[in-house]
Amino acid sequence: MAVARAPRPPRVGRPPSCPLNGDEMSVLLYIVLTVAIFALLGLVQKLVEGL
């Protein structure tokens, strides 16, 4: 007699072909803007030190 196996739970997360949802895009945008602002501040600091 075969033993019935429990059904597998659904996979959590997005499949690789699925585009990013809004939450992930907003986090990515926040990180990119933060890095850009700090880079700009670093350039301003270098220019001010040169005066």
C-alpha atoms as a PDB file:
ATOM      1  CA  MET A   1       0.000   0.000   0.000  1.00  0.00           C
ATOM      2  CA  ALA A   2       1.401   3.418  -1.010  1.00  0.00           C
ATOM      3  CA  VAL A   3       1.705   6.096   1.614  1.00  0.00           C
ATOM      4  CA  ALA A   4       0.085   9.391   0.663  1.00  0.00           C
ATOM      5  CA  ARG A   5       2.541  12.276   0.809  1.00  0.00           C
ATOM      6  CA  ALA A   6       1.550  15.693   2.027  1.00  0.00           C
ATOM      7  CA  PRO A   7       1.270  18.296  -0.741  1.00  0.00           C
ATOM      8  CA  ARG A   8       4.291  20.525  -1.105  1.00  0.00           C
ATOM      9  CA  PRO A   9       3.889  24.085   0.170  1.00  0.00           C
ATOM     10  CA  PRO A  10       3.934  26.810  -2.488  1.00  0.00           C
ATOM     11  CA  ARG A  11       7.287  28.433  -3.183  1.00  0.00           C
ATOM     12  CA  VAL A  12       7.868  31.711  -1.428  1.00  0.00           C
ATOM     13  CA  GLY A  13       9.380  34.574  -3.400  1.00  0.00           C
ATOM     14  CA  ARG A  14       9.175  35.658  -6.986  1.00  0.00           C
ATOM     15  CA  PRO A  15      10.220  33.549  -9.951  1.00  0.00           C
ATOM     16  CA  PRO A  16      13.361  34.768 -11.746  1.00  0.00           C
ATOM     17  CA  SER A  17      11.417  35.951 -14.795  1.00  0.00           C
ATOM     18  CA  CYS A  18       9.006  38.091 -12.748  1.00  0.00           C
ATOM     19  CA  PRO A  19       9.776  41.828 -12.763  1.00  0.00           C
ATOM     20  CA  LEU A  20      10.508  43.616  -9.508  1.00  0.00           C
ATOM     21  CA  ASN A  21       7.482  44.781  -7.593  1.00  0.00           C
ATOM     22  CA  GLY A  22       7.011  48.343  -6.363  1.00  0.00           C
ATOM     23  CA  ASP A  23       8.448  47.729  -2.907  1.00  0.00           C
ATOM     24  CA  GLU A  24      11.731  46.335  -4.224  1.00  0.00           C
ATOM     25  CA  MET A  25      12.006  49.121  -6.788  1.00  0.00           C
ATOM     26  CA  SER A  26      11.480  51.793  -4.139  1.00  0.00           C
ATOM     27  CA  VAL A  27      14.183  50.254  -1.920  1.00  0.00           C
ATOM     28  CA  LEU A  28      16.571  50.099  -4.880  1.00  0.00           C
ATOM     29  CA  LEU A  29      15.781  53.710  -5.787  1.00  0.00           C
ATOM     30  CA  TYR A  30      16.360  54.805  -2.172  1.00  0.00           C
ATOM     31  CA  ILE A  31      19.773  53.092  -2.105  1.00  0.00           C
ATOM     32  CA  VAL A  32      20.809  54.603  -5.456  1.00  0.00           C
ATOM     33  CA  LEU A  33      19.749  58.101  -4.403  1.00  0.00           C
ATOM     34  CA  THR A  34      21.555  57.765  -1.066  1.00  0.00           C
ATOM     35  CA  VAL A  35      24.790  56.706  -2.764  1.00  0.00           C
ATOM     36  CA  ALA A  36      24.465  59.543  -5.291  1.00  0.00           C
ATOM     37  CA  ILE A  37      23.928  62.148  -2.571  1.00  0.00           C
ATOM     38  CA  PHE A  38      26.951  60.976  -0.583  1.00  0.00           C
ATOM     39  CA  ALA A  39      29.070  60.964  -3.744  1.00  0.00           C
ATOM     40  CA  LEU A  40      27.980  64.530  -4.478  1.00  0.00           C
ATOM     41  CA  LEU A  41      28.764  65.601  -0.907  1.00  0.00           C
ATOM     42  CA  GLY A  42      32.213  64.014  -1.221  1.00  0.00           C
ATOM     43  CA  LEU A  43      32.898  65.981  -4.407  1.00  0.00           C
ATOM     44  CA  VAL A  44      31.760  69.229  -2.780  1.00  0.00           C
ATOM     45  CA  GLN A  45      34.019  68.537   0.182  1.00  0.00           C
ATOM     46  CA  LYS A  46      37.019  67.978  -2.117  1.00  0.00           C
ATOM     47  CA  LEU A  47      36.277  71.256  -3.926  1.00  0.00           C
ATOM     48  CA  VAL A  48      35.930  73.190  -0.664  1.00  0.00           C
ATOM     49  CA  GLU A  49      39.182  71.753   0.690  1.00  0.00           C
ATOM     50  CA  GLY A  50      40.944  72.889  -2.459  1.00  0.00           C
ATOM     51  CA  LEU A  51      40.019  76.546  -1.876  1.00  0.00           C
END
